[in-house]
Amino acid sequence: MRLMLHGCAYWIWWKLRAACPKRPPWRRAQFDTLRLHLVRLAATIVEKKTRIIVTLPASCPRKGLLLLLFDALAPPKTA
């Protein structure tokens, strides 16, 4: 079970890194660097029936990058 969870976590980090812009510091960043810069921040997360709302703090230094990643990782909208 632990191996499966670690494999899933690695896949999620790989997808996150692949969704990053093609600028040099993000596309080739190590997972620890991504964790320190993107995940370790204070955010409010509210789960609704059809969507998840993430509210970032006003002083978030990487807000633009996070919004870009959220849009890239979101499922495609259906009509």
N, C-alpha and C. Protein backbone atom coordinates (compact mmCIF):
# COMPACT_ATOMS: atom_id res chain seq x y z
N MET A 1 0.83 -1.19 0.00
CA MET A 1 0.00 0.00 0.00
C MET A 1 0.87 1.26 0.00
N ARG A 2 1.92 1.22 0.81
CA ARG A 2 2.80 2.39 0.88
C ARG A 2 3.46 2.67 -0.46
N LEU A 3 3.89 1.62 -1.14
CA LEU A 3 4.52 1.79 -2.45
C LEU A 3 3.53 2.40 -3.45
N MET A 4 2.29 1.97 -3.41
CA MET A 4 1.28 2.53 -4.30
C MET A 4 1.05 4.01 -4.00
N LEU A 5 0.98 4.39 -2.73
CA LEU A 5 0.79 5.80 -2.37
C LEU A 5 1.98 6.65 -2.82
N HIS A 6 3.19 6.14 -2.65
CA HIS A 6 4.36 6.89 -3.09
C HIS A 6 4.38 7.02 -4.61
N GLY A 7 3.97 5.98 -5.29
CA GLY A 7 3.89 6.04 -6.75
C GLY A 7 2.87 7.07 -7.22
N CYS A 8 1.73 7.13 -6.56
CA CYS A 8 0.71 8.12 -6.91
C CYS A 8 1.20 9.54 -6.62
N ALA A 9 1.89 9.72 -5.50
CA ALA A 9 2.42 11.04 -5.17
C ALA A 9 3.47 11.47 -6.19
N TYR A 10 4.32 10.55 -6.62
CA TYR A 10 5.32 10.87 -7.64
C TYR A 10 4.64 11.26 -8.94
N TRP A 11 3.60 10.54 -9.32
CA TRP A 11 2.88 10.86 -10.56
C TRP A 11 2.26 12.25 -10.48
N ILE A 12 1.70 12.61 -9.32
CA ILE A 12 1.10 13.94 -9.16
C ILE A 12 2.17 15.03 -9.30
N TRP A 13 3.33 14.83 -8.67
CA TRP A 13 4.42 15.82 -8.79
C TRP A 13 4.91 15.91 -10.23
N TRP A 14 4.98 14.77 -10.92
CA TRP A 14 5.42 14.77 -12.30
C TRP A 14 4.44 15.56 -13.18
N LYS A 15 3.12 15.38 -12.96
CA LYS A 15 2.11 16.12 -13.73
C LYS A 15 2.20 17.61 -13.41
N LEU A 16 2.44 17.95 -12.15
CA LEU A 16 2.57 19.35 -11.76
C LEU A 16 3.78 19.99 -12.44
N ARG A 17 4.89 19.28 -12.45
CA ARG A 17 6.09 19.83 -13.09
C ARG A 17 5.89 19.93 -14.60
N ALA A 18 5.19 18.98 -15.19
CA ALA A 18 4.94 19.03 -16.64
C ALA A 18 4.00 20.18 -17.02
N ALA A 19 3.14 20.59 -16.08
CA ALA A 19 2.21 21.68 -16.36
C ALA A 19 2.85 23.05 -16.14
N CYS A 20 4.04 23.09 -15.57
CA CYS A 20 4.73 24.36 -15.32
C CYS A 20 5.10 25.02 -16.64
N PRO A 21 5.26 26.34 -16.63
CA PRO A 21 5.71 27.02 -17.85
C PRO A 21 7.09 26.51 -18.28
N LYS A 22 7.43 26.75 -19.52
CA LYS A 22 8.68 26.22 -20.05
C LYS A 22 9.89 27.05 -19.65
N ARG A 23 9.73 28.01 -18.77
CA ARG A 23 10.86 28.78 -18.29
C ARG A 23 11.80 27.86 -17.52
N PRO A 24 13.10 28.09 -17.60
CA PRO A 24 14.09 27.17 -17.02
C PRO A 24 13.91 26.82 -15.54
N PRO A 25 13.59 27.73 -14.63
CA PRO A 25 13.60 27.29 -13.23
C PRO A 25 12.49 26.32 -12.85
N TRP A 26 11.39 26.27 -13.58
CA TRP A 26 10.27 25.44 -13.14
C TRP A 26 10.19 24.11 -13.84
N ARG A 27 10.44 24.04 -15.12
CA ARG A 27 10.28 22.79 -15.86
C ARG A 27 11.30 21.74 -15.43
N ARG A 28 12.49 22.18 -15.00
CA ARG A 28 13.53 21.23 -14.59
C ARG A 28 13.75 21.23 -13.08
N ALA A 29 12.84 21.81 -12.34
CA ALA A 29 13.00 21.89 -10.89
C ALA A 29 12.84 20.51 -10.25
N GLN A 30 13.56 20.30 -9.17
CA GLN A 30 13.41 19.07 -8.42
C GLN A 30 12.10 19.14 -7.64
N PHE A 31 11.59 17.99 -7.24
CA PHE A 31 10.31 17.95 -6.55
C PHE A 31 10.37 18.69 -5.22
N ASP A 32 11.51 18.65 -4.55
CA ASP A 32 11.64 19.37 -3.28
C ASP A 32 11.54 20.87 -3.49
N THR A 33 12.09 21.38 -4.58
CA THR A 33 11.99 22.80 -4.90
C THR A 33 10.54 23.19 -5.17
N LEU A 34 9.82 22.36 -5.92
CA LEU A 34 8.41 22.64 -6.17
C LEU A 34 7.61 22.63 -4.87
N ARG A 35 7.91 21.69 -4.01
CA ARG A 35 7.20 21.61 -2.73
C ARG A 35 7.42 22.86 -1.90
N LEU A 36 8.66 23.34 -1.87
CA LEU A 36 8.98 24.52 -1.06
C LEU A 36 8.35 25.79 -1.62
N HIS A 37 8.30 25.92 -2.94
CA HIS A 37 7.82 27.16 -3.55
C HIS A 37 6.34 27.17 -3.87
N LEU A 38 5.73 26.01 -4.09
CA LEU A 38 4.35 25.99 -4.55
C LEU A 38 3.36 25.42 -3.53
N VAL A 39 3.76 24.47 -2.76
CA VAL A 39 2.81 23.78 -1.91
C VAL A 39 2.80 24.33 -0.48
N ARG A 40 3.93 24.73 0.00
CA ARG A 40 4.02 25.18 1.39
C ARG A 40 3.58 26.64 1.49
N LEU A 41 2.31 26.87 1.42
CA LEU A 41 1.76 28.21 1.60
C LEU A 41 0.40 28.08 2.27
N ALA A 42 -0.01 29.16 2.89
CA ALA A 42 -1.30 29.15 3.58
C ALA A 42 -2.40 29.46 2.57
N ALA A 43 -3.27 28.51 2.34
CA ALA A 43 -4.38 28.70 1.41
C ALA A 43 -5.64 28.11 2.05
N THR A 44 -6.76 28.69 1.71
CA THR A 44 -8.04 28.18 2.18
C THR A 44 -8.64 27.35 1.05
N ILE A 45 -9.02 26.12 1.36
CA ILE A 45 -9.59 25.22 0.35
C ILE A 45 -11.00 24.84 0.77
N VAL A 46 -11.94 25.09 -0.12
CA VAL A 46 -13.35 24.76 0.12
C VAL A 46 -13.79 23.80 -0.97
N GLU A 47 -14.31 22.66 -0.57
CA GLU A 47 -14.76 21.65 -1.52
C GLU A 47 -16.27 21.75 -1.68
N LYS A 48 -16.70 21.99 -2.90
CA LYS A 48 -18.12 22.04 -3.24
C LYS A 48 -18.49 20.76 -3.98
N LYS A 49 -19.75 20.62 -4.36
CA LYS A 49 -20.17 19.43 -5.11
C LYS A 49 -19.49 19.32 -6.46
N THR A 50 -19.39 20.42 -7.18
CA THR A 50 -18.88 20.36 -8.54
C THR A 50 -17.52 21.00 -8.73
N ARG A 51 -16.95 21.64 -7.71
CA ARG A 51 -15.66 22.29 -7.87
C ARG A 51 -14.95 22.45 -6.53
N ILE A 52 -13.70 22.78 -6.62
CA ILE A 52 -12.88 23.05 -5.44
C ILE A 52 -12.43 24.50 -5.53
N ILE A 53 -12.64 25.26 -4.48
CA ILE A 53 -12.26 26.66 -4.46
C ILE A 53 -11.02 26.83 -3.59
N VAL A 54 -9.96 27.38 -4.16
CA VAL A 54 -8.71 27.63 -3.44
C VAL A 54 -8.54 29.14 -3.35
N THR A 55 -8.46 29.66 -2.13
CA THR A 55 -8.26 31.08 -1.91
C THR A 55 -6.83 31.28 -1.44
N LEU A 56 -6.04 31.99 -2.23
CA LEU A 56 -4.64 32.23 -1.90
C LEU A 56 -4.51 33.52 -1.10
N PRO A 57 -3.49 33.63 -0.25
CA PRO A 57 -3.30 34.87 0.50
C PRO A 57 -2.90 36.01 -0.44
N ALA A 58 -3.17 37.23 -0.04
CA ALA A 58 -2.88 38.39 -0.88
C ALA A 58 -1.38 38.57 -1.09
N SER A 59 -0.58 38.12 -0.15
CA SER A 59 0.87 38.31 -0.24
C SER A 59 1.59 37.10 -0.85
N CYS A 60 0.89 36.27 -1.57
CA CYS A 60 1.49 35.06 -2.17
C CYS A 60 2.44 35.48 -3.31
N PRO A 61 3.75 35.16 -3.19
CA PRO A 61 4.70 35.62 -4.21
C PRO A 61 4.56 34.88 -5.54
N ARG A 62 4.01 33.70 -5.57
CA ARG A 62 3.91 32.91 -6.80
C ARG A 62 2.45 32.74 -7.23
N LYS A 63 1.64 33.73 -6.97
CA LYS A 63 0.20 33.63 -7.25
C LYS A 63 -0.08 33.41 -8.74
N GLY A 64 0.63 34.12 -9.59
CA GLY A 64 0.43 33.97 -11.04
C GLY A 64 0.75 32.57 -11.53
N LEU A 65 1.85 32.01 -11.04
CA LEU A 65 2.23 30.66 -11.43
C LEU A 65 1.23 29.65 -10.91
N LEU A 66 0.76 29.81 -9.69
CA LEU A 66 -0.23 28.87 -9.14
C LEU A 66 -1.54 28.92 -9.92
N LEU A 67 -1.99 30.11 -10.28
CA LEU A 67 -3.22 30.22 -11.07
C LEU A 67 -3.06 29.56 -12.44
N LEU A 68 -1.88 29.72 -13.04
CA LEU A 68 -1.60 29.09 -14.32
C LEU A 68 -1.62 27.56 -14.19
N LEU A 69 -1.05 27.04 -13.10
CA LEU A 69 -1.04 25.59 -12.88
C LEU A 69 -2.44 25.06 -12.60
N PHE A 70 -3.23 25.79 -11.83
CA PHE A 70 -4.60 25.36 -11.55
C PHE A 70 -5.40 25.26 -12.85
N ASP A 71 -5.23 26.24 -13.74
CA ASP A 71 -5.94 26.19 -15.02
C ASP A 71 -5.45 25.04 -15.89
N ALA A 72 -4.14 24.77 -15.87
CA ALA A 72 -3.59 23.69 -16.68
C ALA A 72 -4.00 22.32 -16.18
N LEU A 73 -4.18 22.17 -14.86
CA LEU A 73 -4.52 20.87 -14.30
C LEU A 73 -6.02 20.63 -14.16
N ALA A 74 -6.81 21.65 -14.40
CA ALA A 74 -8.27 21.52 -14.27
C ALA A 74 -8.80 20.61 -15.39
N PRO A 75 -9.83 19.85 -15.08
CA PRO A 75 -10.42 19.01 -16.14
C PRO A 75 -11.07 19.90 -17.20
N PRO A 76 -11.13 19.43 -18.43
CA PRO A 76 -11.74 20.23 -19.49
C PRO A 76 -13.21 20.47 -19.21
N LYS A 77 -13.66 21.67 -19.54
CA LYS A 77 -15.06 22.02 -19.32
C LYS A 77 -15.92 21.42 -20.42
N THR A 78 -17.06 20.88 -20.04
CA THR A 78 -17.98 20.31 -21.01
C THR A 78 -19.15 21.28 -21.20
N ALA A 79 -19.69 21.27 -22.37
CA ALA A 79 -20.78 22.19 -22.68
C ALA A 79 -22.11 21.68 -22.21
